[in-house]
């Protein structure tokens, strides 16, 4: 397993994001419709069938966690909640409450994502 304390140090030194565990995003991969699948689960806005891959990477874009295979109908939060990274966070293996202060600001542990990943607590 990756030492996430090293990842946090690296994110701050390379990108000025203190206490950051990683960056998260997802993308769709076109597939052939699985047998016995609901068409609407896999049919995307581009009129193709797809599954979702979600990845969390470190400060140098090395994969820390990958969740793949969910139908395109799953939103980002649903995919995240199915990931091993999320399960580790829920068990307090990571995101265990360490706060870092920088001047007048305090930073809880976090991962960076776009607006499709709203704050989870």
PDB file of N, CA and C in Angstrom:
ATOM      1  N   UNK A   1       0.816  -1.214   0.000  1.00  0.00           N
ATOM      2  CA  UNK A   1       0.000   0.000   0.000  1.00  0.00           C
ATOM      3  C   UNK A   1       0.851   1.266   0.000  1.00  0.00           C
ATOM      4  N   UNK A   2       0.311   2.298  -0.566  1.00  0.00           N
ATOM      5  CA  UNK A   2       0.986   3.582  -0.648  1.00  0.00           C
ATOM      6  C   UNK A   2       0.894   4.295   0.696  1.00  0.00           C
ATOM      7  N   UNK A   3       1.987   4.918   1.098  1.00  0.00           N
ATOM      8  CA  UNK A   3       1.996   5.723   2.325  1.00  0.00           C
ATOM      9  C   UNK A   3       1.359   7.068   1.996  1.00  0.00           C
ATOM     10  N   UNK A   4       0.110   7.258   2.416  1.00  0.00           N
ATOM     11  CA  UNK A   4      -0.622   8.468   2.066  1.00  0.00           C
ATOM     12  C   UNK A   4      -0.079   9.718   2.740  1.00  0.00           C
ATOM     13  N   UNK A   5       0.680   9.567   3.816  1.00  0.00           N
ATOM     14  CA  UNK A   5       1.296  10.755   4.417  1.00  0.00           C
ATOM     15  C   UNK A   5       2.329  11.347   3.453  1.00  0.00           C
ATOM     16  N   UNK A   6       2.995  10.496   2.693  1.00  0.00           N
ATOM     17  CA  UNK A   6       3.951  10.960   1.676  1.00  0.00           C
ATOM     18  C   UNK A   6       3.206  11.669   0.549  1.00  0.00           C
ATOM     19  N   UNK A   7       2.037  11.129   0.168  1.00  0.00           N
ATOM     20  CA  UNK A   7       1.218  11.752  -0.875  1.00  0.00           C
ATOM     21  C   UNK A   7       0.817  13.160  -0.445  1.00  0.00           C
ATOM     22  N   UNK A   8       0.399  13.317   0.810  1.00  0.00           N
ATOM     23  CA  UNK A   8      -0.009  14.634   1.294  1.00  0.00           C
ATOM     24  C   UNK A   8       1.159  15.627   1.266  1.00  0.00           C
ATOM     25  N   UNK A   9       2.326  15.191   1.664  1.00  0.00           N
ATOM     26  CA  UNK A   9       3.510  16.062   1.640  1.00  0.00           C
ATOM     27  C   UNK A   9       3.829  16.471   0.208  1.00  0.00           C
ATOM     28  N   UNK A  10       3.753  15.515  -0.705  1.00  0.00           N
ATOM     29  CA  UNK A  10       4.047  15.784  -2.103  1.00  0.00           C
ATOM     30  C   UNK A  10       3.043  16.752  -2.729  1.00  0.00           C
ATOM     31  N   UNK A  11       1.747  16.585  -2.431  1.00  0.00           N
ATOM     32  CA  UNK A  11       0.739  17.507  -2.970  1.00  0.00           C
ATOM     33  C   UNK A  11       1.014  18.929  -2.519  1.00  0.00           C
ATOM     34  N   UNK A  12       1.431  19.089  -1.286  1.00  0.00           N
ATOM     35  CA  UNK A  12       1.702  20.445  -0.815  1.00  0.00           C
ATOM     36  C   UNK A  12       2.966  21.008  -1.455  1.00  0.00           C
ATOM     37  N   UNK A  13       4.011  20.214  -1.538  1.00  0.00           N
ATOM     38  CA  UNK A  13       5.270  20.743  -2.072  1.00  0.00           C
ATOM     39  C   UNK A  13       5.202  20.992  -3.586  1.00  0.00           C
ATOM     40  N   UNK A  14       4.481  20.146  -4.324  1.00  0.00           N
ATOM     41  CA  UNK A  14       4.413  20.313  -5.779  1.00  0.00           C
ATOM     42  C   UNK A  14       3.286  21.231  -6.239  1.00  0.00           C
ATOM     43  N   UNK A  15       2.165  21.248  -5.517  1.00  0.00           N
ATOM     44  CA  UNK A  15       0.975  21.938  -6.005  1.00  0.00           C
ATOM     45  C   UNK A  15       0.360  22.913  -5.007  1.00  0.00           C
ATOM     46  N   UNK A  16       0.973  23.048  -3.839  1.00  0.00           N
ATOM     47  CA  UNK A  16       0.498  23.965  -2.802  1.00  0.00           C
ATOM     48  C   UNK A  16      -0.910  23.631  -2.299  1.00  0.00           C
ATOM     49  N   UNK A  17      -1.212  22.320  -2.195  1.00  0.00           N
ATOM     50  CA  UNK A  17      -2.467  21.848  -1.608  1.00  0.00           C
ATOM     51  C   UNK A  17      -2.134  21.122  -0.313  1.00  0.00           C
ATOM     52  N   UNK A  18      -2.202  21.815   0.833  1.00  0.00           N
ATOM     53  CA  UNK A  18      -1.868  21.163   2.101  1.00  0.00           C
ATOM     54  C   UNK A  18      -2.904  20.111   2.511  1.00  0.00           C
ATOM     55  N   UNK A  19      -2.413  18.993   3.034  1.00  0.00           N
ATOM     56  CA  UNK A  19      -3.244  17.931   3.608  1.00  0.00           C
ATOM     57  C   UNK A  19      -4.120  17.214   2.585  1.00  0.00           C
ATOM     58  N   UNK A  20      -3.693  17.197   1.325  1.00  0.00           N
ATOM     59  CA  UNK A  20      -4.466  16.606   0.230  1.00  0.00           C
ATOM     60  C   UNK A  20      -4.014  15.169  -0.039  1.00  0.00           C
ATOM     61  N   UNK A  21      -4.974  14.248  -0.028  1.00  0.00           N
ATOM     62  CA  UNK A  21      -4.695  12.831  -0.283  1.00  0.00           C
ATOM     63  C   UNK A  21      -4.636  12.466  -1.763  1.00  0.00           C
ATOM     64  N   UNK A  22      -5.232  13.279  -2.631  1.00  0.00           N
ATOM     65  CA  UNK A  22      -5.241  12.917  -4.045  1.00  0.00           C
ATOM     66  C   UNK A  22      -6.222  13.748  -4.839  1.00  0.00           C
ATOM     67  N   UNK A  23      -6.285  13.438  -6.126  1.00  0.00           N
ATOM     68  CA  UNK A  23      -7.226  14.079  -7.045  1.00  0.00           C
ATOM     69  C   UNK A  23      -8.107  12.989  -7.646  1.00  0.00           C
ATOM     70  N   UNK A  24      -9.387  13.298  -7.818  1.00  0.00           N
ATOM     71  CA  UNK A  24     -10.357  12.310  -8.281  1.00  0.00           C
ATOM     72  C   UNK A  24     -11.072  12.804  -9.527  1.00  0.00           C
ATOM     73  N   UNK A  25     -11.346  11.881 -10.445  1.00  0.00           N
ATOM     74  CA  UNK A  25     -12.165  12.189 -11.616  1.00  0.00           C
ATOM     75  C   UNK A  25     -12.698  10.888 -12.184  1.00  0.00           C
ATOM     76  N   UNK A  26     -13.643  11.009 -13.093  1.00  0.00           N
ATOM     77  CA  UNK A  26     -14.201   9.821 -13.732  1.00  0.00           C
ATOM     78  C   UNK A  26     -14.364  10.076 -15.224  1.00  0.00           C
ATOM     79  N   UNK A  27     -14.480   8.970 -15.964  1.00  0.00           N
ATOM     80  CA  UNK A  27     -14.715   9.065 -17.400  1.00  0.00           C
ATOM     81  C   UNK A  27     -15.495   7.843 -17.852  1.00  0.00           C
ATOM     82  N   UNK A  28     -16.092   7.963 -19.031  1.00  0.00           N
ATOM     83  CA  UNK A  28     -16.875   6.871 -19.604  1.00  0.00           C
ATOM     84  C   UNK A  28     -16.053   6.128 -20.653  1.00  0.00           C
ATOM     85  N   UNK A  29     -16.220   4.806 -20.662  1.00  0.00           N
ATOM     86  CA  UNK A  29     -15.612   3.963 -21.686  1.00  0.00           C
ATOM     87  C   UNK A  29     -16.727   3.292 -22.459  1.00  0.00           C
ATOM     88  N   UNK A  30     -16.653   3.401 -23.781  1.00  0.00           N
ATOM     89  CA  UNK A  30     -17.662   2.756 -24.614  1.00  0.00           C
ATOM     90  C   UNK A  30     -17.498   1.242 -24.543  1.00  0.00           C
ATOM     91  N   UNK A  31     -18.633   0.550 -24.465  1.00  0.00           N
ATOM     92  CA  UNK A  31     -18.626  -0.911 -24.363  1.00  0.00           C
ATOM     93  C   UNK A  31     -19.698  -1.495 -25.285  1.00  0.00           C
ATOM     94  N   UNK A  32     -19.646  -2.798 -25.436  1.00  0.00           N
ATOM     95  CA  UNK A  32     -20.736  -3.545 -26.047  1.00  0.00           C
ATOM     96  C   UNK A  32     -21.736  -3.830 -24.930  1.00  0.00           C
ATOM     97  N   UNK A  33     -23.021  -3.674 -25.196  1.00  0.00           N
ATOM     98  CA  UNK A  33     -24.028  -3.860 -24.166  1.00  0.00           C
ATOM     99  C   UNK A  33     -23.956  -5.275 -23.600  1.00  0.00           C
ATOM    100  N   UNK A  34     -23.782  -5.401 -22.275  1.00  0.00           N
ATOM    101  CA  UNK A  34     -23.744  -6.731 -21.660  1.00  0.00           C
ATOM    102  C   UNK A  34     -25.079  -7.466 -21.844  1.00  0.00           C
ATOM    103  N   UNK A  35     -25.011  -8.779 -21.966  1.00  0.00           N
ATOM    104  CA  UNK A  35     -26.231  -9.583 -22.080  1.00  0.00           C
ATOM    105  C   UNK A  35     -27.054  -9.412 -20.809  1.00  0.00           C
ATOM    106  N   UNK A  36     -28.345  -9.422 -20.965  1.00  0.00           N
ATOM    107  CA  UNK A  36     -29.299  -9.298 -19.867  1.00  0.00           C
ATOM    108  C   UNK A  36     -29.198  -7.969 -19.119  1.00  0.00           C
ATOM    109  N   UNK A  37     -28.597  -6.957 -19.742  1.00  0.00           N
ATOM    110  CA  UNK A  37     -28.471  -5.642 -19.101  1.00  0.00           C
ATOM    111  C   UNK A  37     -29.645  -4.755 -19.503  1.00  0.00           C
ATOM    112  N   UNK A  38     -29.985  -3.827 -18.645  1.00  0.00           N
ATOM    113  CA  UNK A  38     -30.986  -2.826 -18.986  1.00  0.00           C
ATOM    114  C   UNK A  38     -30.324  -1.786 -19.890  1.00  0.00           C
ATOM    115  N   UNK A  39     -30.882  -1.620 -21.073  1.00  0.00           N
ATOM    116  CA  UNK A  39     -30.316  -0.685 -22.052  1.00  0.00           C
ATOM    117  C   UNK A  39     -30.163   0.705 -21.443  1.00  0.00           C
ATOM    118  N   UNK A  40     -31.172   1.159 -20.721  1.00  0.00           N
ATOM    119  CA  UNK A  40     -31.145   2.519 -20.181  1.00  0.00           C
ATOM    120  C   UNK A  40     -30.023   2.729 -19.162  1.00  0.00           C
ATOM    121  N   UNK A  41     -29.558   1.664 -18.509  1.00  0.00           N
ATOM    122  CA  UNK A  41     -28.459   1.798 -17.545  1.00  0.00           C
ATOM    123  C   UNK A  41     -27.143   2.143 -18.221  1.00  0.00           C
ATOM    124  N   UNK A  42     -26.958   1.685 -19.447  1.00  0.00           N
ATOM    125  CA  UNK A  42     -25.669   1.811 -20.120  1.00  0.00           C
ATOM    126  C   UNK A  42     -25.658   2.822 -21.265  1.00  0.00           C
ATOM    127  N   UNK A  43     -26.824   3.297 -21.689  1.00  0.00           N
ATOM    128  CA  UNK A  43     -26.925   4.199 -22.835  1.00  0.00           C
ATOM    129  C   UNK A  43     -26.588   5.611 -22.395  1.00  0.00           C
ATOM    130  N   UNK A  44     -25.594   6.231 -23.021  1.00  0.00           N
ATOM    131  CA  UNK A  44     -25.153   7.552 -22.568  1.00  0.00           C
ATOM    132  C   UNK A  44     -25.622   8.671 -23.497  1.00  0.00           C
ATOM    133  N   UNK A  45     -25.283   9.891 -23.160  1.00  0.00           N
ATOM    134  CA  UNK A  45     -25.726  11.062 -23.922  1.00  0.00           C
ATOM    135  C   UNK A  45     -25.157  11.105 -25.334  1.00  0.00           C
ATOM    136  N   UNK A  46     -24.077  10.364 -25.570  1.00  0.00           N
ATOM    137  CA  UNK A  46     -23.464  10.315 -26.899  1.00  0.00           C
ATOM    138  C   UNK A  46     -24.045   9.188 -27.755  1.00  0.00           C
ATOM    139  N   UNK A  47     -25.154   8.613 -27.296  1.00  0.00           N
ATOM    140  CA  UNK A  47     -25.867   7.544 -27.997  1.00  0.00           C
ATOM    141  C   UNK A  47     -25.001   6.304 -28.185  1.00  0.00           C
ATOM    142  N   UNK A  48     -24.294   5.964 -27.120  1.00  0.00           N
ATOM    143  CA  UNK A  48     -23.460   4.754 -27.097  1.00  0.00           C
ATOM    144  C   UNK A  48     -23.627   4.110 -25.729  1.00  0.00           C
ATOM    145  N   UNK A  49     -23.181   2.891 -25.589  1.00  0.00           N
ATOM    146  CA  UNK A  49     -23.207   2.194 -24.310  1.00  0.00           C
ATOM    147  C   UNK A  49     -21.870   2.407 -23.623  1.00  0.00           C
ATOM    148  N   UNK A  50     -21.913   2.664 -22.318  1.00  0.00           N
ATOM    149  CA  UNK A  50     -20.647   2.924 -21.635  1.00  0.00           C
ATOM    150  C   UNK A  50     -20.708   2.490 -20.170  1.00  0.00           C
ATOM    151  N   UNK A  51     -19.514   2.332 -19.609  1.00  0.00           N
ATOM    152  CA  UNK A  51     -19.338   2.130 -18.172  1.00  0.00           C
ATOM    153  C   UNK A  51     -18.465   3.270 -17.662  1.00  0.00           C
ATOM    154  N   UNK A  52     -18.476   3.431 -16.356  1.00  0.00           N
ATOM    155  CA  UNK A  52     -17.730   4.525 -15.735  1.00  0.00           C
ATOM    156  C   UNK A  52     -16.462   3.980 -15.080  1.00  0.00           C
ATOM    157  N   UNK A  53     -15.350   4.690 -15.299  1.00  0.00           N
ATOM    158  CA  UNK A  53     -14.130   4.424 -14.555  1.00  0.00           C
ATOM    159  C   UNK A  53     -13.834   5.659 -13.723  1.00  0.00           C
ATOM    160  N   UNK A  54     -13.600   5.460 -12.443  1.00  0.00           N
ATOM    161  CA  UNK A  54     -13.227   6.551 -11.552  1.00  0.00           C
ATOM    162  C   UNK A  54     -11.844   6.257 -10.999  1.00  0.00           C
ATOM    163  N   UNK A  55     -11.000   7.274 -10.965  1.00  0.00           N
ATOM    164  CA  UNK A  55      -9.646   7.081 -10.455  1.00  0.00           C
ATOM    165  C   UNK A  55      -9.283   8.189  -9.483  1.00  0.00           C
ATOM    166  N   UNK A  56      -8.488   7.811  -8.497  1.00  0.00           N
ATOM    167  CA  UNK A  56      -7.870   8.766  -7.587  1.00  0.00           C
ATOM    168  C   UNK A  56      -6.376   8.632  -7.807  1.00  0.00           C
ATOM    169  N   UNK A  57      -5.706   9.759  -8.028  1.00  0.00           N
ATOM    170  CA  UNK A  57      -4.274   9.750  -8.301  1.00  0.00           C
ATOM    171  C   UNK A  57      -3.536  10.596  -7.278  1.00  0.00           C
ATOM    172  N   UNK A  58      -2.223  10.343  -7.186  1.00  0.00           N
ATOM    173  CA  UNK A  58      -1.394  11.146  -6.291  1.00  0.00           C
ATOM    174  C   UNK A  58      -0.906  12.394  -7.020  1.00  0.00           C
ATOM    175  N   UNK A  59       0.010  13.118  -6.434  1.00  0.00           N
ATOM    176  CA  UNK A  59       0.483  14.388  -6.991  1.00  0.00           C
ATOM    177  C   UNK A  59       1.259  14.227  -8.291  1.00  0.00           C
ATOM    178  N   UNK A  60       1.657  13.002  -8.608  1.00  0.00           N
ATOM    179  CA  UNK A  60       2.392  12.746  -9.856  1.00  0.00           C
ATOM    180  C   UNK A  60       1.568  11.898 -10.823  1.00  0.00           C
ATOM    181  N   UNK A  61       0.247  11.848 -10.605  1.00  0.00           N
ATOM    182  CA  UNK A  61      -0.712  11.137 -11.457  1.00  0.00           C
ATOM    183  C   UNK A  61      -0.536   9.618 -11.442  1.00  0.00           C
ATOM    184  N   UNK A  62      -0.025   9.087 -10.341  1.00  0.00           N
ATOM    185  CA  UNK A  62       0.047   7.638 -10.151  1.00  0.00           C
ATOM    186  C   UNK A  62      -1.269   7.197  -9.520  1.00  0.00           C
ATOM    187  N   UNK A  63      -1.857   6.135 -10.063  1.00  0.00           N
ATOM    188  CA  UNK A  63      -3.140   5.660  -9.545  1.00  0.00           C
ATOM    189  C   UNK A  63      -3.021   5.193  -8.095  1.00  0.00           C
ATOM    190  N   UNK A  64      -3.928   5.676  -7.262  1.00  0.00           N
ATOM    191  CA  UNK A  64      -4.053   5.225  -5.877  1.00  0.00           C
ATOM    192  C   UNK A  64      -5.257   4.310  -5.715  1.00  0.00           C
ATOM    193  N   UNK A  65      -6.294   4.565  -6.513  1.00  0.00           N
ATOM    194  CA  UNK A  65      -7.516   3.770  -6.441  1.00  0.00           C
ATOM    195  C   UNK A  65      -8.231   3.863  -7.773  1.00  0.00           C
ATOM    196  N   UNK A  66      -8.788   2.736  -8.220  1.00  0.00           N
ATOM    197  CA  UNK A  66      -9.573   2.704  -9.453  1.00  0.00           C
ATOM    198  C   UNK A  66     -10.851   1.932  -9.172  1.00  0.00           C
ATOM    199  N   UNK A  67     -11.960   2.491  -9.602  1.00  0.00           N
ATOM    200  CA  UNK A  67     -13.261   1.826  -9.532  1.00  0.00           C
ATOM    201  C   UNK A  67     -13.798   1.814 -10.960  1.00  0.00           C
ATOM    202  N   UNK A  68     -14.028   0.640 -11.520  1.00  0.00           N
ATOM    203  CA  UNK A  68     -14.470   0.549 -12.911  1.00  0.00           C
ATOM    204  C   UNK A  68     -15.573  -0.493 -13.041  1.00  0.00           C
ATOM    205  N   UNK A  69     -16.453  -0.262 -14.007  1.00  0.00           N
ATOM    206  CA  UNK A  69     -17.480  -1.246 -14.321  1.00  0.00           C
ATOM    207  C   UNK A  69     -18.894  -0.824 -14.012  1.00  0.00           C
ATOM    208  N   UNK A  70     -19.070   0.302 -13.343  1.00  0.00           N
ATOM    209  CA  UNK A  70     -20.419   0.762 -13.049  1.00  0.00           C
ATOM    210  C   UNK A  70     -21.088   1.265 -14.324  1.00  0.00           C
ATOM    211  N   UNK A  71     -22.392   1.017 -14.478  1.00  0.00           N
ATOM    212  CA  UNK A  71     -23.078   1.523 -15.663  1.00  0.00           C
ATOM    213  C   UNK A  71     -23.050   3.040 -15.695  1.00  0.00           C
ATOM    214  N   UNK A  72     -23.181   3.601 -16.864  1.00  0.00           N
ATOM    215  CA  UNK A  72     -23.113   5.055 -17.030  1.00  0.00           C
ATOM    216  C   UNK A  72     -24.179   5.751 -16.215  1.00  0.00           C
ATOM    217  N   UNK A  73     -25.232   5.040 -15.823  1.00  0.00           N
ATOM    218  CA  UNK A  73     -26.312   5.654 -15.060  1.00  0.00           C
ATOM    219  C   UNK A  73     -25.914   5.955 -13.617  1.00  0.00           C
ATOM    220  N   UNK A  74     -24.784   5.430 -13.150  1.00  0.00           N
ATOM    221  CA  UNK A  74     -24.306   5.732 -11.791  1.00  0.00           C
ATOM    222  C   UNK A  74     -23.661   7.108 -11.776  1.00  0.00           C
ATOM    223  N   UNK A  75     -24.056   7.951 -10.829  1.00  0.00           N
ATOM    224  CA  UNK A  75     -23.399   9.253 -10.731  1.00  0.00           C
ATOM    225  C   UNK A  75     -22.068   9.109  -9.983  1.00  0.00           C
ATOM    226  N   UNK A  76     -21.292  10.172  -9.991  1.00  0.00           N
ATOM    227  CA  UNK A  76     -19.948  10.125  -9.413  1.00  0.00           C
ATOM    228  C   UNK A  76     -19.942   9.768  -7.937  1.00  0.00           C
ATOM    229  N   UNK A  77     -20.899  10.262  -7.191  1.00  0.00           N
ATOM    230  CA  UNK A  77     -20.934   9.978  -5.757  1.00  0.00           C
ATOM    231  C   UNK A  77     -21.232   8.504  -5.515  1.00  0.00           C
ATOM    232  N   UNK A  78     -22.125   7.919  -6.306  1.00  0.00           N
ATOM    233  CA  UNK A  78     -22.428   6.492  -6.179  1.00  0.00           C
ATOM    234  C   UNK A  78     -21.190   5.660  -6.473  1.00  0.00           C
ATOM    235  N   UNK A  79     -20.469   6.004  -7.528  1.00  0.00           N
ATOM    236  CA  UNK A  79     -19.248   5.268  -7.880  1.00  0.00           C
ATOM    237  C   UNK A  79     -18.214   5.420  -6.770  1.00  0.00           C
ATOM    238  N   UNK A  80     -18.042   6.631  -6.269  1.00  0.00           N
ATOM    239  CA  UNK A  80     -17.096   6.859  -5.176  1.00  0.00           C
ATOM    240  C   UNK A  80     -17.452   5.998  -3.969  1.00  0.00           C
ATOM    241  N   UNK A  81     -18.718   5.946  -3.628  1.00  0.00           N
ATOM    242  CA  UNK A  81     -19.137   5.172  -2.448  1.00  0.00           C
ATOM    243  C   UNK A  81     -18.912   3.672  -2.616  1.00  0.00           C
ATOM    244  N   UNK A  82     -18.767   3.207  -3.839  1.00  0.00           N
ATOM    245  CA  UNK A  82     -18.483   1.789  -4.089  1.00  0.00           C
ATOM    246  C   UNK A  82     -16.987   1.488  -4.073  1.00  0.00           C
ATOM    247  N   UNK A  83     -16.150   2.503  -4.028  1.00  0.00           N
ATOM    248  CA  UNK A  83     -14.704   2.321  -4.146  1.00  0.00           C
ATOM    249  C   UNK A  83     -14.044   1.855  -2.855  1.00  0.00           C
ATOM    250  N   UNK A  84     -12.907   1.216  -2.998  1.00  0.00           N
ATOM    251  CA  UNK A  84     -12.145   0.791  -1.820  1.00  0.00           C
ATOM    252  C   UNK A  84     -11.608   2.006  -1.059  1.00  0.00           C
ATOM    253  N   UNK A  85     -11.299   3.082  -1.753  1.00  0.00           N
ATOM    254  CA  UNK A  85     -10.826   4.306  -1.113  1.00  0.00           C
ATOM    255  C   UNK A  85     -11.887   4.838  -0.147  1.00  0.00           C
ATOM    256  N   UNK A  86     -13.123   4.865  -0.587  1.00  0.00           N
ATOM    257  CA  UNK A  86     -14.225   5.343   0.255  1.00  0.00           C
ATOM    258  C   UNK A  86     -14.401   4.438   1.470  1.00  0.00           C
ATOM    259  N   UNK A  87     -14.305   3.139   1.246  1.00  0.00           N
ATOM    260  CA  UNK A  87     -14.440   2.191   2.367  1.00  0.00           C
ATOM    261  C   UNK A  87     -13.330   2.411   3.390  1.00  0.00           C
ATOM    262  N   UNK A  88     -12.119   2.691   2.911  1.00  0.00           N
ATOM    263  CA  UNK A  88     -11.018   2.988   3.828  1.00  0.00           C
ATOM    264  C   UNK A  88     -11.287   4.273   4.603  1.00  0.00           C
ATOM    265  N   UNK A  89     -11.862   5.263   3.927  1.00  0.00           N
ATOM    266  CA  UNK A  89     -12.189   6.524   4.594  1.00  0.00           C
ATOM    267  C   UNK A  89     -13.275   6.316   5.648  1.00  0.00           C
ATOM    268  N   UNK A  90     -14.274   5.515   5.333  1.00  0.00           N
ATOM    269  CA  UNK A  90     -15.358   5.256   6.282  1.00  0.00           C
ATOM    270  C   UNK A  90     -14.876   4.494   7.521  1.00  0.00           C
ATOM    271  N   UNK A  91     -13.848   3.670   7.334  1.00  0.00           N
ATOM    272  CA  UNK A  91     -13.319   2.910   8.474  1.00  0.00           C
ATOM    273  C   UNK A  91     -12.289   3.716   9.268  1.00  0.00           C
ATOM    274  N   UNK A  92     -12.092   4.967   8.868  1.00  0.00           N
ATOM    275  CA  UNK A  92     -11.157   5.897   9.491  1.00  0.00           C
ATOM    276  C   UNK A  92      -9.709   5.428   9.350  1.00  0.00           C
ATOM    277  N   UNK A  93      -9.460   4.572   8.362  1.00  0.00           N
ATOM    278  CA  UNK A  93      -8.076   4.209   8.036  1.00  0.00           C
ATOM    279  C   UNK A  93      -7.372   5.429   7.431  1.00  0.00           C
ATOM    280  N   UNK A  94      -8.134   6.191   6.655  1.00  0.00           N
ATOM    281  CA  UNK A  94      -7.669   7.477   6.124  1.00  0.00           C
ATOM    282  C   UNK A  94      -8.717   8.513   6.485  1.00  0.00           C
ATOM    283  N   UNK A  95      -8.434   9.773   6.296  1.00  0.00           N
ATOM    284  CA  UNK A  95      -9.326  10.860   6.714  1.00  0.00           C
ATOM    285  C   UNK A  95      -9.684  10.689   8.190  1.00  0.00           C
ATOM    286  N   UNK A  96      -8.654  10.577   9.000  1.00  0.00           N
ATOM    287  CA  UNK A  96      -8.885  10.312  10.422  1.00  0.00           C
ATOM    288  C   UNK A  96      -8.878  11.582  11.275  1.00  0.00           C
ATOM    289  N   UNK A  97      -9.069  12.733  10.652  1.00  0.00           N
ATOM    290  CA  UNK A  97      -9.277  13.945  11.420  1.00  0.00           C
ATOM    291  C   UNK A  97      -8.078  14.853  11.603  1.00  0.00           C
ATOM    292  N   UNK A  98      -6.952  14.506  10.998  1.00  0.00           N
ATOM    293  CA  UNK A  98      -5.778  15.363  11.144  1.00  0.00           C
ATOM    294  C   UNK A  98      -6.018  16.695  10.435  1.00  0.00           C
ATOM    295  N   UNK A  99      -5.757  17.776  11.141  1.00  0.00           N
ATOM    296  CA  UNK A  99      -5.926  19.120  10.595  1.00  0.00           C
ATOM    297  C   UNK A  99      -4.562  19.776  10.505  1.00  0.00           C
ATOM    298  N   UNK A 100      -4.326  20.486   9.387  1.00  0.00           N
ATOM    299  CA  UNK A 100      -3.073  21.210   9.180  1.00  0.00           C
ATOM    300  C   UNK A 100      -3.399  22.697   9.133  1.00  0.00           C
ATOM    301  N   UNK A 101      -2.642  23.499   9.850  1.00  0.00           N
ATOM    302  CA  UNK A 101      -2.833  24.953   9.845  1.00  0.00           C
ATOM    303  C   UNK A 101      -1.789  25.613   8.961  1.00  0.00           C
ATOM    304  N   UNK A 102      -2.249  26.546   8.162  1.00  0.00           N
ATOM    305  CA  UNK A 102      -1.380  27.383   7.338  1.00  0.00           C
ATOM    306  C   UNK A 102      -1.853  28.819   7.535  1.00  0.00           C
ATOM    307  N   UNK A 103      -1.098  29.560   8.364  1.00  0.00           N
ATOM    308  CA  UNK A 103      -1.522  30.919   8.705  1.00  0.00           C
ATOM    309  C   UNK A 103      -2.827  30.860   9.467  1.00  0.00           C
ATOM    310  N   UNK A 104      -3.803  31.654   9.037  1.00  0.00           N
ATOM    311  CA  UNK A 104      -5.108  31.684   9.710  1.00  0.00           C
ATOM    312  C   UNK A 104      -6.054  30.591   9.235  1.00  0.00           C
ATOM    313  N   UNK A 105      -5.625  29.773   8.286  1.00  0.00           N
ATOM    314  CA  UNK A 105      -6.498  28.755   7.709  1.00  0.00           C
ATOM    315  C   UNK A 105      -6.184  27.360   8.238  1.00  0.00           C
ATOM    316  N   UNK A 106      -7.226  26.541   8.345  1.00  0.00           N
ATOM    317  CA  UNK A 106      -7.062  25.148   8.731  1.00  0.00           C
ATOM    318  C   UNK A 106      -7.586  24.267   7.603  1.00  0.00           C
ATOM    319  N   UNK A 107      -6.855  23.193   7.322  1.00  0.00           N
ATOM    320  CA  UNK A 107      -7.223  22.286   6.238  1.00  0.00           C
ATOM    321  C   UNK A 107      -7.430  20.883   6.788  1.00  0.00           C
ATOM    322  N   UNK A 108      -8.660  20.389   6.676  1.00  0.00           N
ATOM    323  CA  UNK A 108      -8.936  18.994   6.987  1.00  0.00           C
ATOM    324  C   UNK A 108      -8.374  18.159   5.848  1.00  0.00           C
ATOM    325  N   UNK A 109      -8.197  16.885   6.045  1.00  0.00           N
ATOM    326  CA  UNK A 109      -7.742  16.005   4.970  1.00  0.00           C
ATOM    327  C   UNK A 109      -8.820  15.941   3.885  1.00  0.00           C
ATOM    328  N   UNK A 110      -8.408  15.887   2.619  1.00  0.00           N
ATOM    329  CA  UNK A 110      -9.369  15.925   1.519  1.00  0.00           C
ATOM    330  C   UNK A 110      -8.759  15.343   0.250  1.00  0.00           C
ATOM    331  N   UNK A 111      -9.619  15.124  -0.736  1.00  0.00           N
ATOM    332  CA  UNK A 111      -9.186  14.853  -2.106  1.00  0.00           C
ATOM    333  C   UNK A 111      -9.803  15.942  -2.979  1.00  0.00           C
ATOM    334  N   UNK A 112      -9.145  16.258  -4.071  1.00  0.00           N
ATOM    335  CA  UNK A 112      -9.605  17.307  -4.981  1.00  0.00           C
ATOM    336  C   UNK A 112     -10.431  16.668  -6.092  1.00  0.00           C
ATOM    337  N   UNK A 113     -11.578  17.266  -6.377  1.00  0.00           N
ATOM    338  CA  UNK A 113     -12.407  16.826  -7.489  1.00  0.00           C
ATOM    339  C   UNK A 113     -13.199  18.001  -8.022  1.00  0.00           C
ATOM    340  N   UNK A 114     -13.834  17.801  -9.172  1.00  0.00           N
ATOM    341  CA  UNK A 114     -14.651  18.880  -9.731  1.00  0.00           C
ATOM    342  C   UNK A 114     -15.989  18.956  -9.000  1.00  0.00           C
ATOM    343  N   UNK A 115     -16.873  19.821  -9.468  1.00  0.00           N
ATOM    344  CA  UNK A 115     -18.125  20.085  -8.757  1.00  0.00           C
ATOM    345  C   UNK A 115     -19.068  18.885  -8.708  1.00  0.00           C
ATOM    346  N   UNK A 116     -18.812  17.853  -9.512  1.00  0.00           N
ATOM    347  CA  UNK A 116     -19.646  16.648  -9.439  1.00  0.00           C
ATOM    348  C   UNK A 116     -19.356  15.857  -8.163  1.00  0.00           C
ATOM    349  N   UNK A 117     -18.250  16.185  -7.512  1.00  0.00           N
ATOM    350  CA  UNK A 117     -17.915  15.574  -6.222  1.00  0.00           C
ATOM    351  C   UNK A 117     -18.141  16.623  -5.140  1.00  0.00           C
ATOM    352  N   UNK A 118     -19.349  16.681  -4.659  1.00  0.00           N
ATOM    353  CA  UNK A 118     -19.641  17.643  -3.598  1.00  0.00           C
ATOM    354  C   UNK A 118     -19.133  17.086  -2.272  1.00  0.00           C
ATOM    355  N   UNK A 119     -19.123  17.935  -1.303  1.00  0.00           N
ATOM    356  CA  UNK A 119     -18.562  17.573   0.015  1.00  0.00           C
ATOM    357  C   UNK A 119     -19.304  16.387   0.615  1.00  0.00           C
ATOM    358  N   UNK A 120     -18.557  15.397   1.034  1.00  0.00           N
ATOM    359  CA  UNK A 120     -19.103  14.248   1.736  1.00  0.00           C
ATOM    360  C   UNK A 120     -18.618  14.291   3.171  1.00  0.00           C
ATOM    361  N   UNK A 121     -19.466  13.937   4.095  1.00  0.00           N
ATOM    362  CA  UNK A 121     -19.011  13.861   5.479  1.00  0.00           C
ATOM    363  C   UNK A 121     -19.495  12.577   6.100  1.00  0.00           C
TER     364      UNK A 121
END
